[in-house]
PDB file of N, CA and C in Angstrom:
ATOM      1  N   MET A   1      39.947  -0.766 -10.718  1.00  0.00           N
ATOM      2  CA  MET A   1      38.374  -1.040 -10.096  1.00  0.00           C
ATOM      3  C   MET A   1      38.265   0.620  -9.536  1.00  0.00           C
ATOM      4  N   THR A   2      36.783   0.405  -9.533  1.00  0.00           N
ATOM      5  CA  THR A   2      36.180   1.341  -8.640  1.00  0.00           C
ATOM      6  C   THR A   2      35.444   0.964  -7.572  1.00  0.00           C
ATOM      7  N   THR A   3      35.702   1.388  -6.222  1.00  0.00           N
ATOM      8  CA  THR A   3      35.356   0.887  -5.312  1.00  0.00           C
ATOM      9  C   THR A   3      33.647   1.918  -4.727  1.00  0.00           C
ATOM     10  N   GLU A   4      32.891   1.836  -4.532  1.00  0.00           N
ATOM     11  CA  GLU A   4      31.773   1.941  -3.540  1.00  0.00           C
ATOM     12  C   GLU A   4      31.804   1.951  -2.456  1.00  0.00           C
ATOM     13  N   CYS A   5      31.595   3.326  -1.882  1.00  0.00           N
ATOM     14  CA  CYS A   5      31.518   3.289  -0.026  1.00  0.00           C
ATOM     15  C   CYS A   5      30.217   4.234   0.126  1.00  0.00           C
ATOM     16  N   PHE A   6      29.996   4.060   1.206  1.00  0.00           N
ATOM     17  CA  PHE A   6      28.463   4.369   1.785  1.00  0.00           C
ATOM     18  C   PHE A   6      28.340   5.076   3.050  1.00  0.00           C
ATOM     19  N   VAL A   7      27.489   6.365   3.329  1.00  0.00           N
ATOM     20  CA  VAL A   7      27.219   6.468   4.858  1.00  0.00           C
ATOM     21  C   VAL A   7      25.647   6.217   5.115  1.00  0.00           C
ATOM     22  N   ASP A   8      25.280   5.936   6.177  1.00  0.00           N
ATOM     23  CA  ASP A   8      23.922   6.230   6.547  1.00  0.00           C
ATOM     24  C   ASP A   8      23.360   7.167   7.635  1.00  0.00           C
ATOM     25  N   PHE A   9      22.604   7.910   7.161  1.00  0.00           N
ATOM     26  CA  PHE A   9      21.795   9.062   7.953  1.00  0.00           C
ATOM     27  C   PHE A   9      20.511   8.675   8.153  1.00  0.00           C
ATOM     28  N   SER A  10      20.196   9.223   8.939  1.00  0.00           N
ATOM     29  CA  SER A  10      18.665   9.526   9.578  1.00  0.00           C
ATOM     30  C   SER A  10      17.945  11.178   9.521  1.00  0.00           C
ATOM     31  N   LEU A  11      16.778  11.186   9.138  1.00  0.00           N
ATOM     32  CA  LEU A  11      16.222  12.220   9.384  1.00  0.00           C
ATOM     33  C   LEU A  11      14.922  12.509   9.744  1.00  0.00           C
ATOM     34  N   ALA A  12      14.560  12.806  10.945  1.00  0.00           N
ATOM     35  CA  ALA A  12      13.061  13.065  11.477  1.00  0.00           C
ATOM     36  C   ALA A  12      12.089  14.287  10.667  1.00  0.00           C
ATOM     37  N   CYS A  13      11.556  13.882  10.019  1.00  0.00           N
ATOM     38  CA  CYS A  13      10.615  15.027   9.462  1.00  0.00           C
ATOM     39  C   CYS A  13       9.220  14.798   9.114  1.00  0.00           C
ATOM     40  N   ALA A  14       8.062  15.759   8.829  1.00  0.00           N
ATOM     41  CA  ALA A  14       7.489  16.028   8.518  1.00  0.00           C
ATOM     42  C   ALA A  14       6.764  16.792   7.391  1.00  0.00           C
ATOM     43  N   ARG A  15       5.818  16.178   6.455  1.00  0.00           N
ATOM     44  CA  ARG A  15       5.271  16.476   5.134  1.00  0.00           C
ATOM     45  C   ARG A  15       4.058  16.259   4.872  1.00  0.00           C
ATOM     46  N   ARG A  16       3.520  16.977   4.223  1.00  0.00           N
ATOM     47  CA  ARG A  16       1.816  16.692   3.048  1.00  0.00           C
ATOM     48  C   ARG A  16       2.050  16.809   1.929  1.00  0.00           C
ATOM     49  N   LEU A  17       1.894  15.946   1.222  1.00  0.00           N
ATOM     50  CA  LEU A  17       1.923  15.311  -0.407  1.00  0.00           C
ATOM     51  C   LEU A  17       0.640  16.632  -0.801  1.00  0.00           C
ATOM     52  N   PRO A  18       1.022  17.444  -1.619  1.00  0.00           N
ATOM     53  CA  PRO A  18       0.007  18.101  -1.843  1.00  0.00           C
ATOM     54  C   PRO A  18      -0.887  17.859  -3.466  1.00  0.00           C
ATOM     55  N   HIS A  19      -0.462  16.962  -3.871  1.00  0.00           N
ATOM     56  CA  HIS A  19      -0.948  16.500  -5.234  1.00  0.00           C
ATOM     57  C   HIS A  19      -1.660  15.392  -5.616  1.00  0.00           C
ATOM     58  N   VAL A  20      -2.000  14.725  -3.855  1.00  0.00           N
ATOM     59  CA  VAL A  20      -2.370  13.604  -3.960  1.00  0.00           C
ATOM     60  C   VAL A  20      -4.190  13.643  -4.177  1.00  0.00           C
ATOM     61  N   PRO A  21      -5.068  12.647  -3.981  1.00  0.00           N
ATOM     62  CA  PRO A  21      -6.339  12.556  -3.962  1.00  0.00           C
ATOM     63  C   PRO A  21      -6.860  13.235  -2.241  1.00  0.00           C
ATOM     64  N   PRO A  22      -7.566  14.078  -2.488  1.00  0.00           N
ATOM     65  CA  PRO A  22      -8.375  14.235  -0.889  1.00  0.00           C
ATOM     66  C   PRO A  22      -8.262  13.051  -0.232  1.00  0.00           C
ATOM     67  N   GLU A  23      -8.803  12.098  -0.537  1.00  0.00           N
ATOM     68  CA  GLU A  23      -8.707  11.124   0.274  1.00  0.00           C
ATOM     69  C   GLU A  23      -7.679  10.034   0.678  1.00  0.00           C
ATOM     70  N   HIS A  24      -6.666  10.874   0.369  1.00  0.00           N
ATOM     71  CA  HIS A  24      -5.060  10.002  -0.046  1.00  0.00           C
ATOM     72  C   HIS A  24      -4.488  10.015   1.800  1.00  0.00           C
ATOM     73  N   PRO A  25      -4.390   9.110   2.592  1.00  0.00           N
ATOM     74  CA  PRO A  25      -3.365   9.743   4.056  1.00  0.00           C
ATOM     75  C   PRO A  25      -2.476  10.641   3.890  1.00  0.00           C
ATOM     76  N   CYS A  26      -1.532  10.034   2.505  1.00  0.00           N
ATOM     77  CA  CYS A  26      -0.311  10.970   2.643  1.00  0.00           C
ATOM     78  C   CYS A  26      -0.563  12.783   2.141  1.00  0.00           C
ATOM     79  N   GLY A  27      -2.267  13.234   2.252  1.00  0.00           N
ATOM     80  CA  GLY A  27      -2.329  14.733   2.091  1.00  0.00           C
ATOM     81  C   GLY A  27      -2.398  15.351   3.173  1.00  0.00           C
ATOM     82  N   ARG A  28      -2.254  14.223   4.476  1.00  0.00           N
ATOM     83  CA  ARG A  28      -2.205  15.042   5.810  1.00  0.00           C
ATOM     84  C   ARG A  28      -0.947  15.555   6.008  1.00  0.00           C
ATOM     85  N   VAL A  29      -0.777  16.061   7.056  1.00  0.00           N
ATOM     86  CA  VAL A  29       0.524  16.269   7.236  1.00  0.00           C
ATOM     87  C   VAL A  29       1.067  15.105   8.134  1.00  0.00           C
ATOM     88  N   HIS A  30       2.383  14.144   8.000  1.00  0.00           N
ATOM     89  CA  HIS A  30       2.212  12.967   8.751  1.00  0.00           C
ATOM     90  C   HIS A  30       4.288  13.477   8.835  1.00  0.00           C
ATOM     91  N   GLY A  31       4.670  12.014   9.520  1.00  0.00           N
ATOM     92  CA  GLY A  31       5.926  12.258   9.901  1.00  0.00           C
ATOM     93  C   GLY A  31       6.387  11.116   9.244  1.00  0.00           C
ATOM     94  N   HIS A  32       7.618  10.964   9.293  1.00  0.00           N
ATOM     95  CA  HIS A  32       8.873   9.841   8.899  1.00  0.00           C
ATOM     96  C   HIS A  32      10.097  10.205   9.629  1.00  0.00           C
ATOM     97  N   THR A  33      10.790   8.886   9.762  1.00  0.00           N
ATOM     98  CA  THR A  33      12.068   8.642   9.964  1.00  0.00           C
ATOM     99  C   THR A  33      12.564   8.480   8.775  1.00  0.00           C
ATOM    100  N   PHE A  34      13.205   9.469   8.012  1.00  0.00           N
ATOM    101  CA  PHE A  34      13.762   8.713   6.740  1.00  0.00           C
ATOM    102  C   PHE A  34      15.565   8.556   6.946  1.00  0.00           C
ATOM    103  N   ASP A  35      15.335   7.495   6.558  1.00  0.00           N
ATOM    104  CA  ASP A  35      16.566   6.630   6.231  1.00  0.00           C
ATOM    105  C   ASP A  35      17.203   7.073   4.951  1.00  0.00           C
ATOM    106  N   VAL A  36      18.609   7.765   4.929  1.00  0.00           N
ATOM    107  CA  VAL A  36      19.495   8.092   3.441  1.00  0.00           C
ATOM    108  C   VAL A  36      20.725   7.588   3.807  1.00  0.00           C
ATOM    109  N   ARG A  37      20.538   6.856   2.423  1.00  0.00           N
ATOM    110  CA  ARG A  37      22.202   6.432   2.524  1.00  0.00           C
ATOM    111  C   ARG A  37      22.824   7.510   1.206  1.00  0.00           C
ATOM    112  N   VAL A  38      24.137   8.225   1.767  1.00  0.00           N
ATOM    113  CA  VAL A  38      24.934   8.450   0.599  1.00  0.00           C
ATOM    114  C   VAL A  38      26.416   7.261   0.214  1.00  0.00           C
ATOM    115  N   THR A  39      26.059   7.386  -1.146  1.00  0.00           N
ATOM    116  CA  THR A  39      26.788   6.741  -1.862  1.00  0.00           C
ATOM    117  C   THR A  39      27.849   7.394  -2.450  1.00  0.00           C
ATOM    118  N   VAL A  40      29.593   7.141  -2.452  1.00  0.00           N
ATOM    119  CA  VAL A  40      30.269   7.720  -3.506  1.00  0.00           C
ATOM    120  C   VAL A  40      31.090   6.326  -4.033  1.00  0.00           C
ATOM    121  N   ALA A  41      31.757   6.830  -4.928  1.00  0.00           N
ATOM    122  CA  ALA A  41      32.464   5.539  -5.628  1.00  0.00           C
ATOM    123  C   ALA A  41      33.704   6.424  -6.468  1.00  0.00           C
ATOM    124  N   GLY A  42      35.076   5.318  -6.463  1.00  0.00           N
ATOM    125  CA  GLY A  42      35.848   5.639  -6.793  1.00  0.00           C
ATOM    126  C   GLY A  42      37.243   4.929  -6.562  1.00  0.00           C
ATOM    127  N   PRO A  43      38.615   5.436  -7.417  1.00  0.00           N
ATOM    128  CA  PRO A  43      39.358   4.034  -6.896  1.00  0.00           C
ATOM    129  C   PRO A  43      39.694   4.217  -5.754  1.00  0.00           C
ATOM    130  N   VAL A  44      40.593   3.494  -4.926  1.00  0.00           N
ATOM    131  CA  VAL A  44      41.329   3.475  -3.648  1.00  0.00           C
ATOM    132  C   VAL A  44      42.292   4.337  -3.668  1.00  0.00           C
ATOM    133  N   ASP A  45      42.748   5.151  -2.727  1.00  0.00           N
ATOM    134  CA  ASP A  45      43.747   6.327  -2.992  1.00  0.00           C
ATOM    135  C   ASP A  45      44.796   5.025  -2.188  1.00  0.00           C
ATOM    136  N   PRO A  46      45.976   4.731  -3.156  1.00  0.00           N
ATOM    137  CA  PRO A  46      47.102   4.110  -2.644  1.00  0.00           C
ATOM    138  C   PRO A  46      47.734   4.301  -1.317  1.00  0.00           C
ATOM    139  N   HIS A  47      47.993   6.043  -0.934  1.00  0.00           N
ATOM    140  CA  HIS A  47      48.075   6.267   0.483  1.00  0.00           C
ATOM    141  C   HIS A  47      47.431   6.112   1.818  1.00  0.00           C
ATOM    142  N   SER A  48      46.216   6.418   1.726  1.00  0.00           N
ATOM    143  CA  SER A  48      45.519   6.404   2.293  1.00  0.00           C
ATOM    144  C   SER A  48      44.791   5.179   2.643  1.00  0.00           C
ATOM    145  N   GLY A  49      44.625   4.710   1.815  1.00  0.00           N
ATOM    146  CA  GLY A  49      43.676   3.386   1.517  1.00  0.00           C
ATOM    147  C   GLY A  49      42.163   3.443   1.488  1.00  0.00           C
ATOM    148  N   TRP A  50      41.548   4.537   1.478  1.00  0.00           N
ATOM    149  CA  TRP A  50      40.361   4.529   1.388  1.00  0.00           C
ATOM    150  C   TRP A  50      39.606   5.575   0.332  1.00  0.00           C
ATOM    151  N   VAL A  51      38.501   5.816  -0.403  1.00  0.00           N
ATOM    152  CA  VAL A  51      38.021   6.127  -1.543  1.00  0.00           C
ATOM    153  C   VAL A  51      37.613   7.674  -1.123  1.00  0.00           C
ATOM    154  N   MET A  52      37.167   8.040   0.119  1.00  0.00           N
ATOM    155  CA  MET A  52      37.042   9.108   0.886  1.00  0.00           C
ATOM    156  C   MET A  52      37.135   8.949   2.394  1.00  0.00           C
ATOM    157  N   ASP A  53      37.469   9.673   2.920  1.00  0.00           N
ATOM    158  CA  ASP A  53      36.908   9.772   4.446  1.00  0.00           C
ATOM    159  C   ASP A  53      35.697   9.900   5.097  1.00  0.00           C
ATOM    160  N   PHE A  54      35.190   8.797   5.784  1.00  0.00           N
ATOM    161  CA  PHE A  54      33.997   8.939   6.038  1.00  0.00           C
ATOM    162  C   PHE A  54      33.610   9.964   6.994  1.00  0.00           C
ATOM    163  N   ALA A  55      34.156  10.652   7.205  1.00  0.00           N
ATOM    164  CA  ALA A  55      34.161  11.800   8.104  1.00  0.00           C
ATOM    165  C   ALA A  55      34.127  13.445   7.449  1.00  0.00           C
ATOM    166  N   GLU A  56      34.306  13.334   6.559  1.00  0.00           N
ATOM    167  CA  GLU A  56      34.177  14.442   5.530  1.00  0.00           C
ATOM    168  C   GLU A  56      32.905  13.984   5.333  1.00  0.00           C
ATOM    169  N   ILE A  57      32.500  13.253   4.199  1.00  0.00           N
ATOM    170  CA  ILE A  57      30.816  13.017   4.147  1.00  0.00           C
ATOM    171  C   ILE A  57      29.987  13.202   5.276  1.00  0.00           C
ATOM    172  N   GLU A  58      30.220  12.373   6.729  1.00  0.00           N
ATOM    173  CA  GLU A  58      29.556  13.256   7.717  1.00  0.00           C
ATOM    174  C   GLU A  58      29.319  14.800   8.138  1.00  0.00           C
ATOM    175  N   ALA A  59      30.533  15.386   7.745  1.00  0.00           N
ATOM    176  CA  ALA A  59      30.536  16.548   7.573  1.00  0.00           C
ATOM    177  C   ALA A  59      29.736  17.772   7.083  1.00  0.00           C
ATOM    178  N   VAL A  60      29.984  17.426   5.583  1.00  0.00           N
ATOM    179  CA  VAL A  60      29.064  18.218   4.901  1.00  0.00           C
ATOM    180  C   VAL A  60      27.882  17.562   4.768  1.00  0.00           C
ATOM    181  N   TRP A  61      27.156  16.589   5.113  1.00  0.00           N
ATOM    182  CA  TRP A  61      26.006  16.404   5.887  1.00  0.00           C
ATOM    183  C   TRP A  61      25.446  17.016   6.932  1.00  0.00           C
ATOM    184  N   GLN A  62      26.268  17.387   7.555  1.00  0.00           N
ATOM    185  CA  GLN A  62      25.794  17.848   9.121  1.00  0.00           C
ATOM    186  C   GLN A  62      25.600  19.305   8.573  1.00  0.00           C
ATOM    187  N   ARG A  63      26.321  20.097   7.803  1.00  0.00           N
ATOM    188  CA  ARG A  63      26.230  21.376   7.404  1.00  0.00           C
ATOM    189  C   ARG A  63      25.547  21.561   6.172  1.00  0.00           C
ATOM    190  N   GLU A  64      25.336  20.971   5.500  1.00  0.00           N
ATOM    191  CA  GLU A  64      24.189  20.914   3.889  1.00  0.00           C
ATOM    192  C   GLU A  64      22.850  20.330   4.393  1.00  0.00           C
ATOM    193  N   VAL A  65      22.763  19.487   4.996  1.00  0.00           N
ATOM    194  CA  VAL A  65      21.099  18.451   4.804  1.00  0.00           C
ATOM    195  C   VAL A  65      20.840  18.521   6.312  1.00  0.00           C
ATOM    196  N   PHE A  66      21.601  18.002   7.259  1.00  0.00           N
ATOM    197  CA  PHE A  66      20.679  18.443   8.990  1.00  0.00           C
ATOM    198  C   PHE A  66      20.248  19.277   9.364  1.00  0.00           C
ATOM    199  N   ALA A  67      20.985  20.266   9.146  1.00  0.00           N
ATOM    200  CA  ALA A  67      20.890  21.472   9.851  1.00  0.00           C
ATOM    201  C   ALA A  67      19.423  21.965   8.965  1.00  0.00           C
ATOM    202  N   ALA A  68      19.440  21.779   7.860  1.00  0.00           N
ATOM    203  CA  ALA A  68      18.228  22.661   7.114  1.00  0.00           C
ATOM    204  C   ALA A  68      16.710  21.471   6.948  1.00  0.00           C
ATOM    205  N   LEU A  69      16.719  20.193   7.355  1.00  0.00           N
ATOM    206  CA  LEU A  69      15.958  19.481   7.303  1.00  0.00           C
ATOM    207  C   LEU A  69      15.386  18.544   8.460  1.00  0.00           C
ATOM    208  N   ASP A  70      15.908  18.084   9.338  1.00  0.00           N
ATOM    209  CA  ASP A  70      15.808  17.209  10.477  1.00  0.00           C
ATOM    210  C   ASP A  70      15.123  18.189  11.399  1.00  0.00           C
ATOM    211  N   HIS A  71      13.740  17.359  11.598  1.00  0.00           N
ATOM    212  CA  HIS A  71      12.650  18.167  12.543  1.00  0.00           C
ATOM    213  C   HIS A  71      12.059  19.295  11.826  1.00  0.00           C
ATOM    214  N   ARG A  72      12.101  18.990  10.484  1.00  0.00           N
ATOM    215  CA  ARG A  72      11.228  20.308   9.905  1.00  0.00           C
ATOM    216  C   ARG A  72       9.944  20.005   9.107  1.00  0.00           C
ATOM    217  N   LEU A  73       9.448  21.048   8.776  1.00  0.00           N
ATOM    218  CA  LEU A  73       8.047  20.123   7.959  1.00  0.00           C
ATOM    219  C   LEU A  73       8.818  20.579   6.614  1.00  0.00           C
ATOM    220  N   LEU A  74       8.827  19.458   5.600  1.00  0.00           N
ATOM    221  CA  LEU A  74       9.651  19.733   4.317  1.00  0.00           C
ATOM    222  C   LEU A  74       8.719  20.467   3.215  1.00  0.00           C
ATOM    223  N   ASN A  75       7.531  20.300   3.769  1.00  0.00           N
ATOM    224  CA  ASN A  75       6.998  21.540   2.333  1.00  0.00           C
ATOM    225  C   ASN A  75       7.734  23.029   2.846  1.00  0.00           C
ATOM    226  N   ASP A  76       7.780  23.283   3.543  1.00  0.00           N
ATOM    227  CA  ASP A  76       8.689  24.852   4.181  1.00  0.00           C
ATOM    228  C   ASP A  76       9.784  25.026   3.610  1.00  0.00           C
ATOM    229  N   VAL A  77      10.456  23.925   3.289  1.00  0.00           N
ATOM    230  CA  VAL A  77      11.624  23.794   2.711  1.00  0.00           C
ATOM    231  C   VAL A  77      11.935  24.250   1.311  1.00  0.00           C
ATOM    232  N   ALA A  78      12.641  25.169   0.836  1.00  0.00           N
ATOM    233  CA  ALA A  78      12.466  26.081  -0.359  1.00  0.00           C
ATOM    234  C   ALA A  78      13.323  24.542  -1.257  1.00  0.00           C
ATOM    235  N   GLY A  79      12.042  24.627  -2.779  1.00  0.00           N
ATOM    236  CA  GLY A  79      12.398  23.161  -3.600  1.00  0.00           C
ATOM    237  C   GLY A  79      11.945  21.886  -3.299  1.00  0.00           C
ATOM    238  N   LEU A  80      11.093  22.203  -2.057  1.00  0.00           N
ATOM    239  CA  LEU A  80      10.450  20.887  -1.782  1.00  0.00           C
ATOM    240  C   LEU A  80       8.690  20.742  -0.957  1.00  0.00           C
ATOM    241  N   ASP A  81       8.599  21.354  -2.058  1.00  0.00           N
ATOM    242  CA  ASP A  81       7.112  22.299  -1.733  1.00  0.00           C
ATOM    243  C   ASP A  81       6.152  21.353  -2.146  1.00  0.00           C
ATOM    244  N   ASN A  82       6.462  20.070  -2.924  1.00  0.00           N
ATOM    245  CA  ASN A  82       5.919  18.356  -3.146  1.00  0.00           C
ATOM    246  C   ASN A  82       7.059  17.387  -2.816  1.00  0.00           C
ATOM    247  N   PRO A  83       7.044  17.263  -1.142  1.00  0.00           N
ATOM    248  CA  PRO A  83       8.043  16.487  -0.902  1.00  0.00           C
ATOM    249  C   PRO A  83       7.866  14.941  -0.661  1.00  0.00           C
ATOM    250  N   THR A  84       7.845  14.506  -2.427  1.00  0.00           N
ATOM    251  CA  THR A  84       7.705  13.016  -2.557  1.00  0.00           C
ATOM    252  C   THR A  84       9.296  12.781  -1.743  1.00  0.00           C
ATOM    253  N   SER A  85       9.267  11.218  -1.570  1.00  0.00           N
ATOM    254  CA  SER A  85      10.414  10.563  -1.661  1.00  0.00           C
ATOM    255  C   SER A  85      11.602  10.698  -2.623  1.00  0.00           C
ATOM    256  N   GLU A  86      10.740  10.700  -4.306  1.00  0.00           N
ATOM    257  CA  GLU A  86      11.633  10.710  -5.143  1.00  0.00           C
ATOM    258  C   GLU A  86      12.292  12.758  -5.318  1.00  0.00           C
ATOM    259  N   HIS A  87      11.361  13.395  -5.047  1.00  0.00           N
ATOM    260  CA  HIS A  87      11.828  14.681  -4.436  1.00  0.00           C
ATOM    261  C   HIS A  87      12.652  15.229  -3.920  1.00  0.00           C
ATOM    262  N   VAL A  88      12.454  14.447  -2.121  1.00  0.00           N
ATOM    263  CA  VAL A  88      13.287  14.769  -1.736  1.00  0.00           C
ATOM    264  C   VAL A  88      14.913  13.870  -2.322  1.00  0.00           C
ATOM    265  N   ALA A  89      15.047  13.079  -2.507  1.00  0.00           N
ATOM    266  CA  ALA A  89      16.311  12.153  -2.930  1.00  0.00           C
ATOM    267  C   ALA A  89      17.234  13.306  -4.023  1.00  0.00           C
ATOM    268  N   ALA A  90      16.015  13.664  -4.907  1.00  0.00           N
ATOM    269  CA  ALA A  90      16.805  14.622  -6.057  1.00  0.00           C
ATOM    270  C   ALA A  90      17.515  16.011  -5.122  1.00  0.00           C
ATOM    271  N   TRP A  91      16.459  16.528  -4.049  1.00  0.00           N
ATOM    272  CA  TRP A  91      17.010  17.668  -3.211  1.00  0.00           C
ATOM    273  C   TRP A  91      18.268  17.242  -2.788  1.00  0.00           C
ATOM    274  N   LEU A  92      18.502  16.024  -2.070  1.00  0.00           N
ATOM    275  CA  LEU A  92      19.563  15.643  -1.655  1.00  0.00           C
ATOM    276  C   LEU A  92      20.945  15.863  -2.566  1.00  0.00           C
ATOM    277  N   MET A  93      21.018  15.176  -3.775  1.00  0.00           N
ATOM    278  CA  MET A  93      21.749  14.901  -4.595  1.00  0.00           C
ATOM    279  C   MET A  93      22.119  16.679  -4.907  1.00  0.00           C
ATOM    280  N   SER A  94      20.910  17.225  -5.246  1.00  0.00           N
ATOM    281  CA  SER A  94      22.078  18.606  -5.846  1.00  0.00           C
ATOM    282  C   SER A  94      22.254  19.134  -4.561  1.00  0.00           C
ATOM    283  N   ARG A  95      21.986  19.263  -3.606  1.00  0.00           N
ATOM    284  CA  ARG A  95      22.306  19.495  -2.232  1.00  0.00           C
ATOM    285  C   ARG A  95      23.942  19.545  -1.771  1.00  0.00           C
ATOM    286  N   LEU A  96      24.059  18.073  -2.133  1.00  0.00           N
ATOM    287  CA  LEU A  96      25.493  17.402  -1.919  1.00  0.00           C
ATOM    288  C   LEU A  96      26.732  17.039  -2.848  1.00  0.00           C
ATOM    289  N   ALA A  97      25.887  17.192  -4.117  1.00  0.00           N
ATOM    290  CA  ALA A  97      27.041  16.654  -5.343  1.00  0.00           C
ATOM    291  C   ALA A  97      28.198  18.046  -5.114  1.00  0.00           C
ATOM    292  N   PRO A  98      27.746  19.656  -5.208  1.00  0.00           N
ATOM    293  CA  PRO A  98      28.609  20.502  -5.078  1.00  0.00           C
ATOM    294  C   PRO A  98      29.855  19.993  -4.013  1.00  0.00           C
ATOM    295  N   TRP A  99      29.597  19.531  -3.134  1.00  0.00           N
ATOM    296  CA  TRP A  99      30.877  19.561  -2.116  1.00  0.00           C
ATOM    297  C   TRP A  99      31.249  17.937  -2.194  1.00  0.00           C
ATOM    298  N   LEU A 100      30.490  16.815  -3.061  1.00  0.00           N
ATOM    299  CA  LEU A 100      31.083  15.498  -2.490  1.00  0.00           C
ATOM    300  C   LEU A 100      31.524  15.117  -4.042  1.00  0.00           C
ATOM    301  N   PRO A 101      32.420  15.813  -4.577  1.00  0.00           N
ATOM    302  CA  PRO A 101      32.235  15.242  -6.219  1.00  0.00           C
ATOM    303  C   PRO A 101      32.364  13.615  -6.427  1.00  0.00           C
ATOM    304  N   LEU A 102      32.652  12.925  -5.608  1.00  0.00           N
ATOM    305  CA  LEU A 102      32.354  11.580  -5.901  1.00  0.00           C
ATOM    306  C   LEU A 102      31.134  10.779  -5.668  1.00  0.00           C
ATOM    307  N   LEU A 103      29.997  11.596  -5.346  1.00  0.00           N
ATOM    308  CA  LEU A 103      28.958  11.289  -4.838  1.00  0.00           C
ATOM    309  C   LEU A 103      28.385  10.408  -6.249  1.00  0.00           C
ATOM    310  N   THR A 104      27.684   9.508  -6.089  1.00  0.00           N
ATOM    311  CA  THR A 104      27.217   8.560  -7.070  1.00  0.00           C
ATOM    312  C   THR A 104      25.341   8.421  -7.264  1.00  0.00           C
ATOM    313  N   ALA A 105      24.821   8.151  -5.756  1.00  0.00           N
ATOM    314  CA  ALA A 105      23.966   7.519  -5.163  1.00  0.00           C
ATOM    315  C   ALA A 105      23.257   8.114  -4.080  1.00  0.00           C
ATOM    316  N   ILE A 106      21.810   8.359  -4.266  1.00  0.00           N
ATOM    317  CA  ILE A 106      21.141   8.807  -2.883  1.00  0.00           C
ATOM    318  C   ILE A 106      20.030   7.906  -2.705  1.00  0.00           C
ATOM    319  N   ASP A 107      20.328   7.258  -1.679  1.00  0.00           N
ATOM    320  CA  ASP A 107      19.065   6.655  -1.373  1.00  0.00           C
ATOM    321  C   ASP A 107      17.889   6.561  -0.166  1.00  0.00           C
ATOM    322  N   VAL A 108      16.879   7.101  -0.543  1.00  0.00           N
ATOM    323  CA  VAL A 108      15.506   7.456   0.379  1.00  0.00           C
ATOM    324  C   VAL A 108      14.986   6.731   1.034  1.00  0.00           C
ATOM    325  N   ARG A 109      14.864   5.819   2.063  1.00  0.00           N
ATOM    326  CA  ARG A 109      13.841   5.159   2.789  1.00  0.00           C
ATOM    327  C   ARG A 109      12.893   5.287   3.324  1.00  0.00           C
ATOM    328  N   GLU A 110      11.696   5.869   3.132  1.00  0.00           N
ATOM    329  CA  GLU A 110      10.444   6.630   3.960  1.00  0.00           C
ATOM    330  C   GLU A 110       9.771   5.077   4.842  1.00  0.00           C
ATOM    331  N   SER A 111      10.021   3.878   4.905  1.00  0.00           N
ATOM    332  CA  SER A 111       9.678   3.036   5.464  1.00  0.00           C
ATOM    333  C   SER A 111      10.894   1.577   5.681  1.00  0.00           C
ATOM    334  N   HIS A 112      10.564   0.834   6.026  1.00  0.00           N
ATOM    335  CA  HIS A 112      11.205  -0.335   6.024  1.00  0.00           C
ATOM    336  C   HIS A 112      11.032  -1.260   4.390  1.00  0.00           C
ATOM    337  N   ARG A 113       9.995  -0.465   3.949  1.00  0.00           N
ATOM    338  CA  ARG A 113       9.514  -1.352   2.586  1.00  0.00           C
ATOM    339  C   ARG A 113       9.255  -0.518   1.617  1.00  0.00           C
ATOM    340  N   TYR A 114       9.458   0.998   1.486  1.00  0.00           N
ATOM    341  CA  TYR A 114       9.584   2.012   0.443  1.00  0.00           C
ATOM    342  C   TYR A 114      10.846   2.489   0.418  1.00  0.00           C
ATOM    343  N   GLY A 115      11.441   3.142  -1.033  1.00  0.00           N
ATOM    344  CA  GLY A 115      12.410   3.737  -0.826  1.00  0.00           C
ATOM    345  C   GLY A 115      12.455   3.964  -2.448  1.00  0.00           C
ATOM    346  N   VAL A 116      13.516   5.248  -2.744  1.00  0.00           N
ATOM    347  CA  VAL A 116      13.832   5.701  -3.883  1.00  0.00           C
ATOM    348  C   VAL A 116      15.455   5.612  -3.953  1.00  0.00           C
ATOM    349  N   ARG A 117      15.954   5.581  -5.134  1.00  0.00           N
ATOM    350  CA  ARG A 117      16.982   5.841  -5.486  1.00  0.00           C
ATOM    351  C   ARG A 117      17.444   6.697  -6.418  1.00  0.00           C
ATOM    352  N   VAL A 118      18.397   8.001  -6.252  1.00  0.00           N
ATOM    353  CA  VAL A 118      18.761   8.748  -7.475  1.00  0.00           C
ATOM    354  C   VAL A 118      20.419   8.835  -7.856  1.00  0.00           C
ATOM    355  N   THR A 119      20.832   8.937  -8.777  1.00  0.00           N
ATOM    356  CA  THR A 119      22.171   8.625  -9.258  1.00  0.00           C
ATOM    357  C   THR A 119      22.680   9.629 -10.155  1.00  0.00           C
ATOM    358  N   ARG A 120      23.695   9.374 -10.236  1.00  0.00           N
ATOM    359  CA  ARG A 120      24.809  10.191 -10.831  1.00  0.00           C
ATOM    360  C   ARG A 120      25.756  10.112 -11.737  1.00  0.00           C
ATOM    361  N   ARG A 121      26.249  10.016 -12.627  1.00  0.00           N
ATOM    362  CA  ARG A 121      26.938   9.894 -13.527  1.00  0.00           C
ATOM    363  C   ARG A 121      28.527  10.710 -13.274  1.00  0.00           C
ATOM    364  N   ALA A 122      29.486  10.222 -13.217  1.00  0.00           N
ATOM    365  CA  ALA A 122      30.884  11.052 -13.315  1.00  0.00           C
ATOM    366  C   ALA A 122      30.878  12.138 -14.503  1.00  0.00           C
TER     367      ALA A 122
END
């Protein structure tokens, strides 16, 4: 049996989408409080009783993501020159995957209505 576990995070960031038409509002610098869900999946360890320690996910997030993105202009971050939510999710996946081998999905919500998910197969 495989069990999915997740941890939710928030990032306050600014961005400008460089490839939208000139009249598009996202072409101007604007901010989002992105809600991010990091999902890991695997068997429940019979000794610990969990798939992965939530504290380990939190520590990796703080070290690899939060310091790099929170309260930043995403366009200034290497690899995010076109910081669509799709690109942010893919960037997060590539940043976290080396440290979280059980990582299966990253969800990024830029508002309560709009979001994306990237997945990875083990």
